[in-house]
Structure formats: structure tokens, C-alpha cells
Amino acid sequence: MKIVVIGGTGLIGTKVVAHLRQQGHQVIAASPNTGINTITGEGLAEAMNETAVVVDLANSPSWEDQAVLNFFETSGRNILAAEINAGVKHHVALSIVGVDQMQNVGYMRAKKAQEDLIKKSGVPYTIVHSTQFLEFLGGLASQAADGNTVHISALQFQPIASDDVAAFVAEAALAAPINGIMEIAGPERSTLSNFLSRYLRDTKDPRQVEPNDNNQYYGGTIPNAALVPAGKAKLGAINYEKWLAGQLKKA
């Protein structure tokens, strides 16, 4: 089966491509570097020819509110139009758990706009709602740091390893479209502040976490449980300790 993975050279994309190729599928890793640009449309029509499934993992290079909205709307429209012209049978997109509850955050508004385009397109689809990645812990600590103190909310948090995300996305790509949302999450739930405290301690980072209850996340106030699944989610196999051991081994 021919599958196009948009964003196929990124963190999740490279892993999804590997999963699908290992199972014998013809996979195109689409990105501007491989001559397929979802913003300009370059190479899209050719890539979609005789394609059965498209996996959309594209991400905006900018998180500025208007820029990220423009990216996901333009990219989404171009991908879906090319799919319709080519008769693609299944569109799989990776999105975010709780996106509907975080509409005062610009990035989340843009992801919601992307989802709306998919739902209205008429192309059979599966939207995978993932919790935040364990790989984001270092960046979350840095963006909340003031000197040696990390001021971070005690939001509920259930991060997932990127390897598990990729496995679930590849699984969705090979299954029938559900025309709905599938939620995925890590196997452990605690608070964002607790996860960051563990991460800084375990990586011998001298910064200290100071929890607060302001529920701030990337510039917006969100509900305390917005970042964790609301209902039944598929849980990854890699817990924090196993993930960290792998990271330390690579370092």
C-alpha cells in the first residue's frame, strides 16, 4: 500500500515511516527537503498519485498566533484538496488531547482549525489526539525558568514517549478510518510540576521547580485536566523511567 507521511522527516515522522516500511508498505517521507511542500503545493499532486493513506504530521515553524494559524489552514487545505483529486481513502492527523479546552492558546486554535478542515473535507479520517510528549520536558522547564527556579503549574499531566506516539499513528494508518478521534497517552499520570521535578533531578539539573496553581500553559490559562484524556485512551508501553534510561543512554 502506498502511504504518504507529511512531515515524514521530523521527530514522529521518521519513526512512523520506519514502522510502515518495516511492514512492507511503500512510504513517501514528504517534507520541503524531499521536494514536497504543503504550503506552496509543490510536489503534492505527484506524491498523492495512487496513494491510499496520508498521515499528516506537519508542524508550523513559528508559534506566533497568526503565523501558526496560517500554516495549518494553508497546509490543511492544500493537502486535503490534493487527496480529493487523487481519491485518497484515509487521512490520519496527529493532534492534541484537550485542544478544544485550550482555545485561548494560539497554537491550540490553529490545531482546532486544522481538525475542522479535516472533518468538513469529506475524506475519511482518523484524528489521533495525543498527550504531550516526554521529549518536551526539557523545553517546558526552560521556557518556565527564571534563573535557577522553574515556575510551573501543577496541571494534571500524562506525557507519552514519541516512540509510542509513532506506533499508535502507524497503527491508525493501517486501520480503517474511524471518522472520529482516538486518544493516546502515557501510562503514568501525575502533575506537570512533579514530572519536571523528577526530570531535573534525574538529569542532574540544578534548577528547582516551584509549583503554582495558575494553570498557565504556553501563554494561556487552561483547565486543570486539559492535558490529560477525558475518557478512555490507548496507553503507551514506555513509562517515564524507561524513556529516561533511553535518553541517558543516547547522551
Protein backbone atom coordinates (compact mmCIF):
# COMPACT_ATOMS: atom_id res chain seq x y z
CA MET A 1 0.00 0.00 0.00
CA LYS A 2 1.27 3.48 -0.82
CA ILE A 3 1.30 5.87 2.15
CA VAL A 4 2.44 9.50 2.19
CA VAL A 5 3.69 10.80 5.54
CA ILE A 6 3.62 14.61 5.61
CA GLY A 7 6.34 15.78 7.98
CA GLY A 8 8.00 12.42 7.43
CA THR A 9 11.46 13.68 8.37
CA GLY A 10 10.52 15.04 11.81
CA LEU A 11 10.61 13.53 15.32
CA ILE A 12 7.43 11.47 14.93
CA GLY A 13 7.51 11.24 11.15
CA THR A 14 10.81 9.40 10.88
CA LYS A 15 9.56 6.80 13.36
CA VAL A 16 6.19 6.41 11.60
CA VAL A 17 7.92 5.98 8.23
CA ALA A 18 10.18 3.29 9.72
CA HIS A 19 7.21 1.41 11.24
CA LEU A 20 5.29 1.39 7.97
CA ARG A 21 8.26 0.43 5.80
CA GLN A 22 9.09 -2.44 8.16
CA GLN A 23 5.61 -3.77 7.42
CA GLY A 24 6.28 -3.72 3.69
CA HIS A 25 4.43 -0.58 2.63
CA GLN A 26 5.57 1.92 0.03
CA VAL A 27 6.10 5.08 2.08
CA ILE A 28 6.96 8.59 0.92
CA ALA A 29 8.51 10.78 3.62
CA ALA A 30 7.16 14.14 2.50
CA SER A 31 8.80 17.41 3.51
CA PRO A 32 10.16 20.52 1.77
CA ASN A 33 13.58 18.83 1.88
CA THR A 34 12.21 15.94 -0.20
CA GLY A 35 10.52 18.28 -2.69
CA ILE A 36 7.00 18.18 -1.25
CA ASN A 37 5.79 21.46 0.22
CA THR A 38 2.32 21.68 1.73
CA ILE A 39 2.37 25.50 1.84
CA THR A 40 3.31 26.15 -1.80
CA GLY A 41 1.74 22.91 -3.03
CA GLU A 42 4.98 21.88 -4.74
CA GLY A 43 5.10 18.13 -5.36
CA LEU A 44 1.79 17.38 -3.61
CA ALA A 45 -0.18 16.19 -6.63
CA GLU A 46 2.62 13.88 -7.76
CA ALA A 47 3.04 12.45 -4.25
CA MET A 48 -0.68 11.71 -3.91
CA ASN A 49 -0.87 9.75 -7.16
CA GLU A 50 -2.14 6.21 -6.35
CA THR A 51 -1.83 6.92 -2.61
CA ALA A 52 -4.19 5.07 -0.27
CA VAL A 53 -3.40 6.80 3.04
CA VAL A 54 -1.99 10.18 4.03
CA VAL A 55 -0.56 10.74 7.51
CA ASP A 56 -0.35 14.45 8.34
CA LEU A 57 2.38 15.24 10.88
CA ALA A 58 3.20 18.69 9.52
CA ASN A 59 4.14 21.31 12.11
CA SER A 60 4.48 25.06 11.89
CA PRO A 61 7.98 26.58 12.03
CA SER A 62 6.51 29.51 14.01
CA TRP A 63 4.28 29.50 17.10
CA GLU A 64 3.25 33.14 16.68
CA ASP A 65 -0.56 33.17 16.77
CA GLN A 66 -1.32 34.32 13.22
CA ALA A 67 1.62 32.52 11.62
CA VAL A 68 0.69 29.16 13.10
CA LEU A 69 -2.96 29.58 12.13
CA ASN A 70 -1.98 30.49 8.57
CA PHE A 71 0.30 27.47 8.41
CA PHE A 72 -2.24 24.87 9.49
CA GLU A 73 -5.07 26.35 7.42
CA THR A 74 -2.97 26.64 4.25
CA SER A 75 -1.27 23.29 4.68
CA GLY A 76 -4.54 21.57 5.55
CA ARG A 77 -6.42 22.96 2.56
CA ASN A 78 -3.62 22.06 0.14
CA ILE A 79 -3.23 18.50 1.46
CA LEU A 80 -6.96 17.77 1.51
CA ALA A 81 -7.51 19.21 -1.98
CA ALA A 82 -4.70 17.02 -3.35
CA GLU A 83 -6.17 14.00 -1.56
CA ILE A 84 -9.63 14.59 -3.00
CA ASN A 85 -8.21 14.94 -6.52
CA ALA A 86 -6.24 11.71 -6.11
CA GLY A 87 -9.00 9.70 -4.42
CA VAL A 88 -7.10 9.09 -1.17
CA LYS A 89 -9.13 6.78 1.08
CA HIS A 90 -7.88 7.72 4.57
CA HIS A 91 -6.46 10.88 6.16
CA VAL A 92 -4.70 10.43 9.52
CA ALA A 93 -3.73 13.53 11.50
CA LEU A 94 -1.88 13.89 14.78
CA SER A 95 -3.40 16.47 17.11
CA ILE A 96 -3.54 17.20 20.84
CA VAL A 97 -5.56 15.93 23.78
CA GLY A 98 -7.72 18.73 25.17
CA VAL A 99 -7.33 21.01 22.16
CA ASP A 100 -10.99 22.08 22.42
CA GLN A 101 -10.44 23.21 26.02
CA MET A 102 -7.40 25.37 25.24
CA GLN A 103 -8.74 27.79 22.64
CA ASN A 104 -7.17 30.81 24.34
CA VAL A 105 -3.75 29.42 23.30
CA GLY A 106 -2.87 30.37 19.73
CA TYR A 107 -1.30 27.04 18.78
CA MET A 108 -4.36 25.16 20.02
CA ARG A 109 -6.69 27.41 17.99
CA ALA A 110 -4.63 26.57 14.91
CA LYS A 111 -4.80 22.83 15.58
CA LYS A 112 -8.57 23.09 16.06
CA ALA A 113 -8.83 24.89 12.71
CA GLN A 114 -6.85 22.07 11.11
CA GLU A 115 -9.20 19.47 12.62
CA ASP A 116 -12.26 21.37 11.41
CA LEU A 117 -10.93 21.35 7.84
CA ILE A 118 -10.42 17.58 8.02
CA LYS A 119 -13.91 16.92 9.38
CA LYS A 120 -15.54 19.04 6.66
CA SER A 121 -13.45 17.71 3.76
CA GLY A 122 -15.38 14.54 3.05
CA VAL A 123 -12.17 12.47 3.12
CA PRO A 124 -12.49 9.52 5.55
CA TYR A 125 -10.30 10.33 8.53
CA THR A 126 -8.82 9.42 11.88
CA ILE A 127 -7.61 12.17 14.21
CA VAL A 128 -5.16 10.97 16.86
CA HIS A 129 -5.28 13.13 20.00
CA SER A 130 -2.01 12.71 21.87
CA THR A 131 -0.96 13.98 25.26
CA GLN A 132 2.26 15.99 25.44
CA PHE A 133 5.49 14.16 24.64
CA LEU A 134 8.05 13.17 27.27
CA GLU A 135 10.60 14.72 24.90
CA PHE A 136 9.08 18.13 25.71
CA LEU A 137 10.05 18.06 29.41
CA GLY A 138 13.37 19.86 28.94
CA GLY A 139 11.80 22.59 26.81
CA LEU A 140 8.94 23.08 29.28
CA ALA A 141 11.44 23.56 32.09
CA SER A 142 13.47 26.08 30.10
CA GLN A 143 10.51 28.20 29.00
CA ALA A 144 9.28 28.45 32.62
CA ALA A 145 12.70 29.10 34.19
CA ASP A 146 13.68 32.29 35.96
CA GLY A 147 17.30 31.80 36.85
CA ASN A 148 17.51 28.57 38.83
CA THR A 149 13.79 28.46 39.61
CA VAL A 150 11.23 26.85 37.33
CA HIS A 151 7.80 28.37 37.96
CA ILE A 152 5.35 25.80 36.63
CA SER A 153 1.73 24.88 37.17
CA ALA A 154 0.59 21.72 38.94
CA LEU A 155 -1.66 20.83 35.98
CA GLN A 156 -2.56 17.18 35.54
CA PHE A 157 -0.08 15.64 33.14
CA GLN A 158 0.21 12.25 31.40
CA PRO A 159 3.08 12.50 28.90
CA ILE A 160 3.79 9.89 26.24
CA ALA A 161 7.05 8.80 24.61
CA SER A 162 7.46 9.68 20.94
CA ASP A 163 8.14 6.01 20.14
CA ASP A 164 4.68 5.13 21.44
CA VAL A 165 3.10 8.03 19.55
CA ALA A 166 4.64 6.79 16.31
CA ALA A 167 3.47 3.23 16.92
CA PHE A 168 -0.11 4.37 17.53
CA VAL A 169 -0.10 6.65 14.47
CA ALA A 170 1.22 3.84 12.26
CA GLU A 171 -1.45 1.53 13.69
CA ALA A 172 -4.16 4.10 12.86
CA ALA A 173 -2.81 4.48 9.31
CA LEU A 174 -3.20 0.75 8.66
CA ALA A 175 -6.67 0.50 10.21
CA ALA A 176 -9.98 1.61 8.73
CA PRO A 177 -10.91 5.30 9.16
CA ILE A 178 -12.99 5.92 12.28
CA ASN A 179 -14.24 9.37 11.19
CA GLY A 180 -13.59 10.46 14.75
CA ILE A 181 -10.94 10.94 17.41
CA MET A 182 -8.65 8.36 19.02
CA GLU A 183 -6.92 9.43 22.24
CA ILE A 184 -3.45 8.24 23.26
CA ALA A 185 -1.48 8.93 26.43
CA GLY A 186 1.43 7.75 28.52
CA PRO A 187 0.99 5.08 31.21
CA GLU A 188 1.60 7.42 34.19
CA ARG A 189 -0.43 10.39 35.40
CA SER A 190 0.84 12.95 37.89
CA THR A 191 1.24 16.74 37.74
CA LEU A 192 3.34 18.77 35.35
CA SER A 193 5.35 20.14 38.28
CA ASN A 194 6.06 16.63 39.60
CA PHE A 195 7.23 15.35 36.22
CA LEU A 196 9.53 18.35 35.79
CA SER A 197 10.93 17.93 39.32
CA ARG A 198 11.75 14.30 38.57
CA TYR A 199 13.26 15.16 35.20
CA LEU A 200 15.52 17.92 36.55
CA ARG A 201 16.64 15.74 39.45
CA ASP A 202 17.30 12.71 37.26
CA THR A 203 19.27 14.71 34.68
CA LYS A 204 21.27 16.41 37.47
CA ASP A 205 19.92 19.82 36.50
CA PRO A 206 20.41 22.25 39.43
CA ARG A 207 17.20 24.16 38.75
CA GLN A 208 14.39 23.76 41.25
CA VAL A 209 10.68 23.55 40.46
CA GLU A 210 8.32 25.89 42.29
CA PRO A 211 4.75 24.66 41.65
CA ASN A 212 1.87 27.10 41.34
CA ASP A 213 -1.84 26.85 40.67
CA ASN A 214 -2.24 29.49 37.96
CA ASN A 215 -2.89 26.82 35.24
CA GLN A 216 -0.73 28.67 32.71
CA TYR A 217 0.40 26.74 29.65
CA TYR A 218 2.20 28.40 26.72
CA GLY A 219 0.72 31.79 27.44
CA GLY A 220 -2.87 30.79 28.19
CA THR A 221 -4.86 29.70 31.22
CA ILE A 222 -6.27 26.22 30.73
CA PRO A 223 -8.44 23.84 32.78
CA ASN A 224 -6.53 21.71 35.28
CA ALA A 225 -7.29 18.48 33.40
CA ALA A 226 -7.00 19.81 29.83
CA LEU A 227 -3.72 17.98 29.15
CA VAL A 228 -4.96 14.51 30.13
CA PRO A 229 -7.52 12.27 28.41
CA ALA A 230 -11.13 12.90 29.32
CA GLY A 231 -12.23 9.33 28.65
CA LYS A 232 -10.69 6.02 27.70
CA ALA A 233 -7.36 6.38 25.94
CA LYS A 234 -4.88 3.94 24.47
CA LEU A 235 -1.88 3.92 26.79
CA GLY A 236 1.73 3.68 25.67
CA ALA A 237 4.07 0.97 26.95
CA ILE A 238 7.00 3.25 27.77
CA ASN A 239 6.90 4.83 31.23
CA TYR A 240 8.98 7.78 32.36
CA GLU A 241 11.82 5.68 33.83
CA LYS A 242 12.19 3.53 30.72
CA TRP A 243 12.08 6.61 28.49
CA LEU A 244 14.68 8.44 30.58
CA ALA A 245 17.01 5.45 30.59
CA GLY A 246 16.89 5.51 26.80
CA GLN A 247 17.61 9.24 26.70
CA LEU A 248 20.58 8.94 29.07
CA LYS A 249 21.97 6.09 27.01
CA LYS A 250 21.91 8.30 23.90
CA ALA A 251 23.60 11.23 25.66
